[in-house]
Amino acid sequence: MNQTQILRQQLNNLPLFSPEVEIEALVANYLAGKEQIAQIVELQAETKRQIQRIISDTGIDRWETRSGSVLVPASGIVVSYDAHGLDGVRLQSKTVNRYILPFRSERVVSGGIRIVGY
């Protein structure tokens, strides 16, 4: 049984005590899972660095193996604009507002739950 399965079993077999005791156990379980994720992410990062080294050494940017493939995608461009700055300009000019407003959208992002260990 791996560590994830152990944590899942602990979660599923959580005894029904007071909410305080349950929260304590759940926070501990969450933080243990978070630590596992951090270790796996570091393992993935190191693996990726070694793959990049091989690609750099060989000049081959596409690999097909029995377990999966590696591909270096073409470079792209990321564009961003300062929404607060554009909103300021938009509010100063009805003409600018008329051109920018159709391309402006907003979405609400939930705050979620924040769990922090000590």
Protein backbone atom coordinates (compact mmCIF):
# COMPACT_ATOMS: atom_id res chain seq x y z
CA MET A 1 0.00 0.00 0.00
CA ASN A 2 1.49 3.35 -1.00
CA GLN A 3 1.35 6.56 1.04
CA THR A 4 -1.58 7.95 -0.94
CA GLN A 5 -3.62 4.81 -0.30
CA ILE A 6 -2.80 5.05 3.42
CA LEU A 7 -3.96 8.68 3.53
CA ARG A 8 -7.13 7.75 1.60
CA GLN A 9 -7.81 4.93 4.07
CA GLN A 10 -7.34 7.31 7.00
CA LEU A 11 -9.76 9.73 5.36
CA ASN A 12 -12.37 7.05 4.73
CA ASN A 13 -12.03 5.55 8.22
CA LEU A 14 -12.17 8.86 10.06
CA PRO A 15 -14.07 8.26 13.30
CA LEU A 16 -17.06 10.48 13.94
CA PHE A 17 -15.98 12.55 16.91
CA SER A 18 -16.51 16.18 17.68
CA PRO A 19 -15.97 18.59 14.77
CA GLU A 20 -12.77 19.83 16.44
CA VAL A 21 -11.23 16.33 16.49
CA GLU A 22 -12.36 15.63 12.93
CA ILE A 23 -10.92 18.94 11.65
CA GLU A 24 -7.61 18.19 13.39
CA ALA A 25 -7.41 14.79 11.66
CA LEU A 26 -8.49 16.21 8.31
CA VAL A 27 -5.97 19.07 8.41
CA ALA A 28 -3.18 16.61 9.27
CA ASN A 29 -4.28 14.36 6.39
CA TYR A 30 -4.44 17.31 3.98
CA LEU A 31 -0.98 18.55 4.95
CA ALA A 32 0.50 15.05 4.60
CA GLY A 33 -0.97 14.86 1.09
CA LYS A 34 0.36 18.33 0.30
CA GLU A 35 3.86 17.25 1.35
CA GLN A 36 3.62 14.22 -0.92
CA ILE A 37 2.60 16.44 -3.82
CA ALA A 38 5.57 18.74 -3.18
CA GLN A 39 7.94 15.77 -3.27
CA ILE A 40 6.40 14.46 -6.49
CA VAL A 41 6.55 17.91 -8.11
CA GLU A 42 10.26 18.13 -7.22
CA LEU A 43 10.82 14.65 -8.69
CA GLN A 44 9.05 15.73 -11.88
CA ALA A 45 11.11 18.93 -12.07
CA GLU A 46 14.39 17.01 -11.71
CA THR A 47 13.27 14.49 -14.31
CA LYS A 48 12.38 17.31 -16.68
CA ARG A 49 15.81 18.92 -16.15
CA GLN A 50 17.49 15.65 -17.11
CA ILE A 51 15.28 15.29 -20.20
CA GLN A 52 16.17 18.87 -21.19
CA ARG A 53 19.86 18.02 -20.77
CA ILE A 54 19.51 15.07 -23.16
CA ILE A 55 17.63 17.21 -25.67
CA SER A 56 20.32 19.87 -25.42
CA ASP A 57 23.13 17.32 -25.79
CA THR A 58 21.59 15.50 -28.76
CA GLY A 59 19.70 18.30 -30.49
CA ILE A 60 16.75 15.92 -30.87
CA ASP A 61 13.56 17.65 -29.74
CA ARG A 62 11.06 14.84 -30.30
CA TRP A 63 11.24 11.43 -28.63
CA GLU A 64 8.86 8.46 -28.75
CA THR A 65 9.27 5.71 -26.15
CA ARG A 66 7.21 2.76 -24.90
CA SER A 67 6.23 4.76 -21.81
CA GLY A 68 5.42 8.06 -23.51
CA SER A 69 6.71 10.84 -25.68
CA VAL A 70 8.66 14.07 -25.32
CA LEU A 71 8.14 17.05 -27.57
CA VAL A 72 9.57 20.55 -27.43
CA PRO A 73 6.74 22.71 -28.76
CA ALA A 74 7.32 25.75 -30.92
CA SER A 75 7.81 29.03 -29.11
CA GLY A 76 4.76 31.19 -28.61
CA ILE A 77 3.90 34.70 -27.55
CA VAL A 78 2.01 35.64 -24.41
CA VAL A 79 0.37 39.05 -24.40
CA SER A 80 -1.06 40.78 -21.36
CA TYR A 81 -2.50 44.19 -20.66
CA ASP A 82 -2.88 46.18 -17.49
CA ALA A 83 -6.64 45.96 -16.90
CA HIS A 84 -6.63 48.76 -14.32
CA GLY A 85 -4.74 51.06 -16.66
CA LEU A 86 -7.01 50.32 -19.60
CA ASP A 87 -10.09 50.79 -17.42
CA GLY A 88 -8.76 54.21 -16.44
CA VAL A 89 -8.32 55.20 -20.08
CA ARG A 90 -11.71 53.72 -20.93
CA LEU A 91 -13.43 55.84 -18.29
CA GLN A 92 -11.76 59.02 -19.57
CA SER A 93 -12.93 58.63 -23.14
CA LYS A 94 -16.32 57.50 -24.44
CA THR A 95 -14.74 56.75 -27.81
CA VAL A 96 -12.07 54.50 -26.30
CA ASN A 97 -14.71 52.90 -24.06
CA ARG A 98 -16.84 52.06 -27.11
CA TYR A 99 -13.90 50.22 -28.72
CA ILE A 100 -12.57 48.44 -25.63
CA LEU A 101 -15.81 47.46 -23.87
CA PRO A 102 -16.83 44.68 -26.30
CA PHE A 103 -13.51 42.92 -25.64
CA ARG A 104 -13.64 43.27 -21.86
CA SER A 105 -14.86 40.41 -19.70
CA GLU A 106 -14.75 39.64 -16.01
CA ARG A 107 -15.12 36.48 -14.03
CA VAL A 108 -15.47 35.97 -10.32
CA VAL A 109 -12.90 33.68 -8.73
CA SER A 110 -13.86 31.86 -5.55
CA GLY A 111 -11.71 32.40 -2.50
CA GLY A 112 -11.76 28.69 -1.63
CA ILE A 113 -10.48 27.22 1.62
CA ARG A 114 -6.99 27.97 2.90
CA ILE A 115 -5.29 25.25 4.95
CA VAL A 116 -1.91 26.06 6.53
CA GLY A 117 0.26 23.89 8.77
CA TYR A 118 2.21 25.00 11.80
